[in-house]
């Protein structure tokens, strides 16, 4: 029989113990998802005494390797996704969430990631490698519609149209949206909320996180003055705004409102039984294509008229499109941002001002 087991490891580790009687190895370190010092692997020598009746004990040896795998304690996405229909999404990764009170930062020289304390920036530790979880399930909803996720391809679809991809292995969000649902709903954007569950063989519990994906089309409406009669169809019984009704119709090139009624210009001579007639509006909203960072914006702010005016692109500022405006004296650049849930923000580069709008009106000009 074998007795008096002992184990010696190089480098020395304190998270493996051996039962001196049975020789059973046990892990005695901290929780696998926690922080702990020391080495994560070692080469070990196990020795024991082979004892037989009426014979001298003989030492026997066995070499073995040990490695402890870290796992994620929790997970999150690097950021939300703002995607434009027909344009590739810059991939957004699923990452392990830093411990409470810390943020993740990447060293620009070495490329290594560190967890840095919010209270003391000098307090930092290198992000330890950990075994990432695999995606188990994805549930997405948008505009009261349930979206489907393919476990094989990761494709997220709505009404059979491709929206984006959530990789079934690593959870990376990517793809090129092809949906026209925002237009069908008469909206410029569609906010999608996705709940991701992940785990694996080494995980005792399922990790959960949420990511918001904003899908936007490039349709905008540019207001122009007119002094000529215009052929248009009068719409009645509207369930939404005049602009939304025009957006829903692919052949609607312009709209205007006159005496509280909605009128649209389409390629046909009638819409829903109503025939086109001549009208004389003062202004008309012409359909166009606009893109953030490339098109000027006309901002309307009923609760802050000093902000109203035309904002035109001037390049990037802190990786966000920036705009120049004559409306604000003393502010060179303005950055429009959307948070994870689509709320709009104005950030002024020369003023410590942060104005929040739950909804802001962006129009190309």
Protein backbone atom coordinates (compact mmCIF):
# COMPACT_ATOMS: atom_id res chain seq x y z
CA UNK A 1 0.00 0.00 0.00
CA UNK A 2 1.00 3.63 -0.42
CA UNK A 3 1.40 5.89 2.59
CA UNK A 4 2.77 9.28 3.67
CA UNK A 5 2.03 11.25 0.53
CA UNK A 6 3.79 14.58 -0.09
CA UNK A 7 3.82 17.04 -2.99
CA UNK A 8 6.47 19.60 -3.96
CA UNK A 9 5.86 22.10 -6.77
CA UNK A 10 8.08 24.43 -8.79
CA UNK A 11 7.41 27.31 -8.69
CA UNK A 12 6.01 27.06 -5.19
CA UNK A 13 2.22 27.32 -5.01
CA UNK A 14 -0.10 27.39 -2.02
CA UNK A 15 -3.37 26.47 -3.68
CA UNK A 16 -2.80 22.71 -4.03
CA UNK A 17 -2.83 20.41 -1.00
CA UNK A 18 -2.37 16.65 -0.77
CA UNK A 19 -4.01 14.30 1.69
CA UNK A 20 -1.07 12.56 3.37
CA UNK A 21 -3.09 9.39 3.85
CA UNK A 22 -4.97 8.96 0.57
CA UNK A 23 -2.87 11.09 -1.78
CA UNK A 24 -5.94 12.97 -3.01
CA UNK A 25 -5.15 16.43 -4.42
CA UNK A 26 -7.42 19.36 -3.52
CA UNK A 27 -7.68 22.99 -4.56
CA UNK A 28 -7.42 25.27 -1.54
CA UNK A 29 -7.24 28.71 -3.14
CA UNK A 30 -9.83 31.47 -3.43
CA UNK A 31 -12.92 31.44 -5.62
CA UNK A 32 -11.97 30.93 -9.27
CA UNK A 33 -13.58 34.24 -10.26
CA UNK A 34 -11.82 36.28 -7.57
CA UNK A 35 -8.50 38.07 -7.34
CA UNK A 36 -5.56 36.16 -5.91
CA UNK A 37 -1.77 36.44 -6.09
CA UNK A 38 0.78 33.82 -6.98
CA UNK A 39 1.44 31.56 -9.95
CA UNK A 40 -1.27 29.92 -12.01
CA UNK A 41 0.67 26.79 -13.03
CA UNK A 42 3.46 24.58 -11.76
CA UNK A 43 5.29 21.28 -12.24
CA UNK A 44 4.86 19.04 -9.20
CA UNK A 45 6.47 15.93 -7.76
CA UNK A 46 4.29 13.56 -5.75
CA UNK A 47 6.10 11.15 -3.45
CA UNK A 48 4.80 8.29 -1.26
CA UNK A 49 6.10 5.34 0.68
CA UNK A 50 5.32 1.92 -0.78
CA UNK A 51 4.88 -0.35 2.23
CA UNK A 52 4.73 -4.14 2.05
CA UNK A 53 4.68 -6.69 4.87
CA UNK A 54 8.15 -7.70 6.09
CA UNK A 55 9.85 -5.27 3.63
CA UNK A 56 11.52 -1.91 3.98
CA UNK A 57 9.34 1.01 2.75
CA UNK A 58 10.24 2.11 -0.79
CA UNK A 59 9.79 5.67 -2.04
CA UNK A 60 7.80 6.02 -5.25
CA UNK A 61 7.46 9.20 -7.31
CA UNK A 62 5.13 10.69 -9.90
CA UNK A 63 5.43 13.91 -11.86
CA UNK A 64 2.33 15.95 -12.74
CA UNK A 65 1.42 19.43 -13.91
CA UNK A 66 -1.24 21.70 -12.43
CA UNK A 67 -2.87 24.82 -13.82
CA UNK A 68 -5.69 26.86 -12.36
CA UNK A 69 -8.12 28.49 -14.75
CA UNK A 70 -9.64 31.81 -13.89
CA UNK A 71 -13.22 32.46 -14.94
CA UNK A 72 -15.16 35.67 -15.33
CA UNK A 73 -17.02 36.86 -12.25
CA UNK A 74 -19.33 38.98 -14.43
CA UNK A 75 -19.44 40.34 -17.97
CA UNK A 76 -20.36 43.44 -19.89
CA UNK A 77 -20.00 45.00 -23.34
CA UNK A 78 -17.34 47.60 -24.10
CA UNK A 79 -20.07 50.00 -25.19
CA UNK A 80 -23.48 50.14 -26.82
CA UNK A 81 -23.87 49.87 -30.59
CA UNK A 82 -25.05 52.61 -32.91
CA UNK A 83 -25.47 51.11 -36.39
CA UNK A 84 -26.62 52.52 -39.69
CA UNK A 85 -28.58 50.39 -42.15
CA UNK A 86 -26.35 49.22 -44.99
CA UNK A 87 -23.05 50.00 -43.23
CA UNK A 88 -20.84 47.49 -41.35
CA UNK A 89 -20.90 47.64 -37.57
CA UNK A 90 -17.54 48.19 -35.91
CA UNK A 91 -17.32 44.99 -33.80
CA UNK A 92 -18.09 45.40 -30.10
CA UNK A 93 -16.65 42.77 -27.75
CA UNK A 94 -18.07 41.03 -24.72
CA UNK A 95 -15.52 41.49 -21.91
CA UNK A 96 -15.10 40.57 -18.28
CA UNK A 97 -16.39 43.27 -15.98
CA UNK A 98 -13.74 44.84 -13.72
CA UNK A 99 -14.05 44.48 -9.92
CA UNK A 100 -16.14 47.08 -8.09
CA UNK A 101 -14.40 50.44 -7.88
CA UNK A 102 -12.17 49.77 -10.89
CA UNK A 103 -12.25 50.52 -14.62
CA UNK A 104 -10.48 48.83 -17.51
CA UNK A 105 -7.86 50.82 -19.40
CA UNK A 106 -5.49 49.73 -22.17
CA UNK A 107 -1.85 50.86 -22.17
CA UNK A 108 -1.21 52.57 -25.50
CA UNK A 109 2.42 51.41 -25.61
CA UNK A 110 2.22 47.76 -24.55
CA UNK A 111 -1.40 47.10 -25.51
CA UNK A 112 -1.93 45.41 -22.12
CA UNK A 113 -5.13 46.00 -20.20
CA UNK A 114 -5.18 47.12 -16.56
CA UNK A 115 -7.80 47.45 -13.87
CA UNK A 116 -7.36 50.93 -12.41
CA UNK A 117 -8.88 52.14 -9.15
CA UNK A 118 -11.36 55.00 -9.52
CA UNK A 119 -10.20 56.51 -6.23
CA UNK A 120 -6.46 56.12 -6.87
CA UNK A 121 -5.29 56.00 -10.54
CA UNK A 122 -1.85 54.80 -9.42
CA UNK A 123 -3.45 51.65 -8.03
CA UNK A 124 -3.58 49.32 -11.00
CA UNK A 125 -3.19 45.61 -11.73
CA UNK A 126 -2.82 43.83 -15.05
CA UNK A 127 -6.06 42.19 -16.12
CA UNK A 128 -5.45 38.46 -15.54
CA UNK A 129 -6.26 36.03 -18.31
CA UNK A 130 -9.47 34.16 -17.61
CA UNK A 131 -11.41 31.47 -19.41
CA UNK A 132 -14.25 33.34 -21.15
CA UNK A 133 -17.78 31.92 -21.10
CA UNK A 134 -19.61 30.76 -24.20
CA UNK A 135 -22.90 32.35 -25.20
CA UNK A 136 -25.83 30.17 -24.13
CA UNK A 137 -28.80 32.23 -25.26
CA UNK A 138 -29.74 35.64 -26.69
CA UNK A 139 -33.14 37.34 -26.43
CA UNK A 140 -33.71 40.58 -28.33
CA UNK A 141 -36.71 42.89 -28.59
CA UNK A 142 -37.26 46.10 -30.51
CA UNK A 143 -40.31 48.31 -31.09
CA UNK A 144 -42.50 45.69 -29.40
CA UNK A 145 -41.27 43.05 -31.87
CA UNK A 146 -39.52 39.86 -30.75
CA UNK A 147 -36.37 39.21 -32.74
CA UNK A 148 -34.88 35.80 -33.51
CA UNK A 149 -31.28 34.76 -32.78
CA UNK A 150 -29.65 31.81 -34.57
CA UNK A 151 -27.56 29.60 -32.32
CA UNK A 152 -25.69 28.32 -35.39
CA UNK A 153 -24.81 31.58 -37.16
CA UNK A 154 -25.44 34.21 -34.49
CA UNK A 155 -27.66 36.14 -36.89
CA UNK A 156 -30.33 38.35 -35.30
CA UNK A 157 -33.36 38.87 -37.53
CA UNK A 158 -36.68 40.67 -37.31
CA UNK A 159 -39.52 39.86 -39.66
CA UNK A 160 -37.00 37.74 -41.56
CA UNK A 161 -34.66 40.68 -42.19
CA UNK A 162 -31.01 40.65 -41.10
CA UNK A 163 -30.32 43.12 -38.27
CA UNK A 164 -26.87 42.19 -36.90
CA UNK A 165 -24.84 39.28 -35.53
CA UNK A 166 -24.10 38.21 -31.94
CA UNK A 167 -21.39 35.55 -32.24
CA UNK A 168 -22.53 32.34 -30.50
CA UNK A 169 -18.97 31.64 -29.32
CA UNK A 170 -17.60 34.93 -28.02
CA UNK A 171 -20.62 37.26 -28.05
CA UNK A 172 -19.02 39.86 -30.38
CA UNK A 173 -21.63 42.13 -32.01
CA UNK A 174 -21.00 42.79 -35.72
CA UNK A 175 -22.66 42.55 -39.14
CA UNK A 176 -24.25 44.91 -41.64
CA UNK A 177 -27.90 45.79 -40.87
CA UNK A 178 -30.26 45.27 -43.82
CA UNK A 179 -33.59 45.89 -42.11
CA UNK A 180 -36.04 48.54 -43.29
CA UNK A 181 -38.17 48.21 -40.15
CA UNK A 182 -37.43 51.76 -38.93
CA UNK A 183 -38.92 53.02 -42.17
CA UNK A 184 -41.90 50.66 -41.93
CA UNK A 185 -42.61 52.08 -38.47
CA UNK A 186 -42.21 55.64 -39.68
CA UNK A 187 -39.19 56.19 -37.43
CA UNK A 188 -35.61 57.24 -38.06
CA UNK A 189 -34.20 54.78 -35.52
CA UNK A 190 -35.06 51.47 -33.90
CA UNK A 191 -33.65 50.67 -30.47
CA UNK A 192 -33.02 46.95 -29.90
CA UNK A 193 -32.45 45.55 -26.41
CA UNK A 194 -30.62 42.22 -26.20
CA UNK A 195 -30.18 40.06 -23.11
CA UNK A 196 -27.21 37.66 -23.30
CA UNK A 197 -26.68 34.60 -21.07
CA UNK A 198 -23.28 32.88 -21.03
CA UNK A 199 -21.51 30.10 -19.15
CA UNK A 200 -19.62 26.88 -19.70
CA UNK A 201 -18.30 23.63 -18.21
CA UNK A 202 -16.14 25.46 -15.67
CA UNK A 203 -18.90 27.88 -14.65
CA UNK A 204 -21.17 27.04 -11.74
CA UNK A 205 -23.60 29.85 -12.59
CA UNK A 206 -24.91 31.63 -15.67
CA UNK A 207 -23.65 35.17 -16.35
CA UNK A 208 -26.06 37.78 -17.72
CA UNK A 209 -25.67 41.15 -19.41
CA UNK A 210 -27.60 43.53 -21.67
CA UNK A 211 -26.59 45.48 -24.77
CA UNK A 212 -28.55 48.16 -26.62
CA UNK A 213 -28.24 48.33 -30.41
CA UNK A 214 -29.58 51.40 -32.17
CA UNK A 215 -30.42 50.84 -35.83
CA UNK A 216 -30.72 54.04 -37.85
CA UNK A 217 -31.57 54.70 -41.48
CA UNK A 218 -30.16 57.63 -43.47
CA UNK A 219 -33.49 59.24 -44.34
CA UNK A 220 -33.88 62.88 -43.36
CA UNK A 221 -36.17 65.73 -44.35
CA UNK A 222 -34.85 69.13 -45.43
CA UNK A 223 -37.21 72.08 -45.12
CA UNK A 224 -37.22 74.39 -48.14
CA UNK A 225 -39.18 77.50 -48.97
CA UNK A 226 -41.33 77.32 -52.09
CA UNK A 227 -43.38 79.82 -54.05
CA UNK A 228 -44.76 77.44 -56.67
CA UNK A 229 -47.89 75.27 -56.64
CA UNK A 230 -47.19 71.63 -55.74
CA UNK A 231 -49.05 68.46 -56.68
CA UNK A 232 -49.73 66.48 -53.52
CA UNK A 233 -52.17 64.02 -51.96
CA UNK A 234 -54.04 64.90 -48.77
CA UNK A 235 -53.87 62.14 -46.13
CA UNK A 236 -56.66 61.61 -43.61
CA UNK A 237 -57.09 59.46 -40.51
CA UNK A 238 -53.40 59.50 -39.63
CA UNK A 239 -52.19 57.35 -36.75
CA UNK A 240 -48.84 59.17 -36.59
CA UNK A 241 -47.18 62.40 -37.68
CA UNK A 242 -47.09 63.62 -41.26
CA UNK A 243 -43.34 63.04 -41.39
CA UNK A 244 -43.74 59.46 -40.13
CA UNK A 245 -46.37 58.74 -42.78
CA UNK A 246 -44.06 60.05 -45.51
CA UNK A 247 -41.17 58.01 -44.17
CA UNK A 248 -43.25 54.83 -44.27
CA UNK A 249 -43.88 55.23 -48.00
CA UNK A 250 -40.77 54.49 -50.07
CA UNK A 251 -42.00 56.64 -52.97
CA UNK A 252 -42.81 59.69 -50.82
CA UNK A 253 -40.35 62.37 -51.84
CA UNK A 254 -41.68 65.26 -49.77
CA UNK A 255 -44.45 66.36 -47.43
CA UNK A 256 -45.94 69.53 -46.03
CA UNK A 257 -48.62 70.50 -43.55
CA UNK A 258 -51.28 73.05 -44.38
CA UNK A 259 -54.16 74.19 -42.16
CA UNK A 260 -53.56 71.22 -39.85
CA UNK A 261 -53.70 68.63 -42.66
CA UNK A 262 -50.94 66.39 -44.05
CA UNK A 263 -49.97 66.33 -47.74
CA UNK A 264 -47.43 64.04 -49.42
CA UNK A 265 -45.76 63.89 -52.83
CA UNK A 266 -45.49 60.39 -54.26
CA UNK A 267 -44.72 58.80 -57.60
CA UNK A 268 -48.41 57.97 -58.08
CA UNK A 269 -51.36 60.22 -58.73
CA UNK A 270 -53.30 58.91 -55.74
CA UNK A 271 -52.78 57.39 -52.29
CA UNK A 272 -55.41 55.18 -50.63
CA UNK A 273 -58.05 56.43 -53.03
CA UNK A 274 -57.18 60.13 -52.59
CA UNK A 275 -56.08 61.90 -55.79
CA UNK A 276 -53.31 64.47 -56.13
CA UNK A 277 -54.27 68.14 -56.36
CA UNK A 278 -52.43 71.46 -56.59
CA UNK A 279 -51.60 73.23 -53.33
CA UNK A 280 -49.59 76.31 -52.41
CA UNK A 281 -47.57 75.75 -49.20
CA UNK A 282 -44.91 78.23 -48.03
CA UNK A 283 -42.45 75.49 -47.06
CA UNK A 284 -42.02 71.83 -47.95
CA UNK A 285 -39.95 69.07 -46.31
CA UNK A 286 -37.98 67.28 -49.01
CA UNK A 287 -36.76 63.74 -48.41
CA UNK A 288 -32.99 63.30 -48.49
CA UNK A 289 -30.13 61.16 -47.25
CA UNK A 290 -28.13 62.29 -44.25
CA UNK A 291 -25.35 60.78 -42.18
CA UNK A 292 -23.88 61.75 -38.82
CA UNK A 293 -20.59 63.54 -39.22
CA UNK A 294 -21.24 64.32 -42.90
CA UNK A 295 -24.53 66.26 -42.94
CA UNK A 296 -25.45 69.52 -41.24
CA UNK A 297 -28.05 69.39 -38.47
CA UNK A 298 -30.88 71.79 -37.76
CA UNK A 299 -31.48 71.67 -34.01
CA UNK A 300 -34.79 72.62 -32.44
CA UNK A 301 -34.89 73.09 -28.66
CA UNK A 302 -38.22 74.47 -27.37
CA UNK A 303 -36.86 74.60 -23.80
CA UNK A 304 -33.54 76.14 -24.82
CA UNK A 305 -33.96 78.47 -27.77
CA UNK A 306 -30.36 79.70 -27.47
CA UNK A 307 -29.29 76.23 -28.69
CA UNK A 308 -31.36 76.35 -31.87
CA UNK A 309 -29.69 76.73 -35.21
CA UNK A 310 -27.64 75.01 -37.88
CA UNK A 311 -24.73 72.75 -36.83
CA UNK A 312 -22.30 71.62 -39.57
CA UNK A 313 -19.65 68.85 -39.34
CA UNK A 314 -16.05 69.73 -38.46
CA UNK A 315 -14.47 66.28 -38.07
CA UNK A 316 -14.07 64.08 -35.00
CA UNK A 317 -13.61 65.11 -31.37
CA UNK A 318 -12.92 62.31 -28.86
CA UNK A 319 -13.96 59.78 -31.55
CA UNK A 320 -17.37 61.46 -31.92
CA UNK A 321 -18.62 63.62 -34.83
CA UNK A 322 -18.22 67.31 -33.96
CA UNK A 323 -20.10 70.28 -35.39
CA UNK A 324 -19.57 74.03 -35.74
CA UNK A 325 -22.38 76.44 -35.02
CA UNK A 326 -22.94 80.20 -35.05
CA UNK A 327 -25.74 79.81 -32.53
CA UNK A 328 -23.39 79.62 -29.54
CA UNK A 329 -20.79 82.33 -29.14
CA UNK A 330 -17.64 81.11 -27.41
CA UNK A 331 -18.17 77.44 -28.23
CA UNK A 332 -16.07 76.21 -31.13
CA UNK A 333 -17.25 72.63 -31.42
CA UNK A 334 -20.33 70.71 -30.39
CA UNK A 335 -20.46 66.93 -30.13
CA UNK A 336 -23.76 65.10 -30.49
CA UNK A 337 -23.85 61.82 -28.62
CA UNK A 338 -26.40 59.09 -28.02
CA UNK A 339 -26.31 57.01 -24.87
CA UNK A 340 -27.04 53.26 -24.66
CA UNK A 341 -30.80 53.90 -24.72
CA UNK A 342 -30.74 56.50 -27.49
CA UNK A 343 -31.12 59.68 -25.42
CA UNK A 344 -29.42 62.65 -27.08
CA UNK A 345 -26.64 64.72 -25.56
CA UNK A 346 -24.90 67.94 -26.57
CA UNK A 347 -21.27 68.30 -25.44
CA UNK A 348 -19.57 71.71 -25.82
CA UNK A 349 -15.79 71.69 -26.18
CA UNK A 350 -15.12 75.13 -24.66
CA UNK A 351 -17.78 75.20 -21.98
CA UNK A 352 -18.38 72.94 -19.02
CA UNK A 353 -21.93 72.49 -20.21
CA UNK A 354 -23.86 69.27 -20.61
CA UNK A 355 -27.38 69.64 -21.97
CA UNK A 356 -29.52 66.52 -22.05
CA UNK A 357 -32.53 65.97 -24.29
CA UNK A 358 -34.57 62.82 -24.02
CA UNK A 359 -35.34 63.39 -27.69
CA UNK A 360 -33.64 65.87 -29.95
CA UNK A 361 -34.69 66.66 -33.47
CA UNK A 362 -31.97 66.07 -36.05
CA UNK A 363 -32.65 67.26 -39.58
CA UNK A 364 -30.27 67.49 -42.51
CA UNK A 365 -29.71 70.88 -44.07
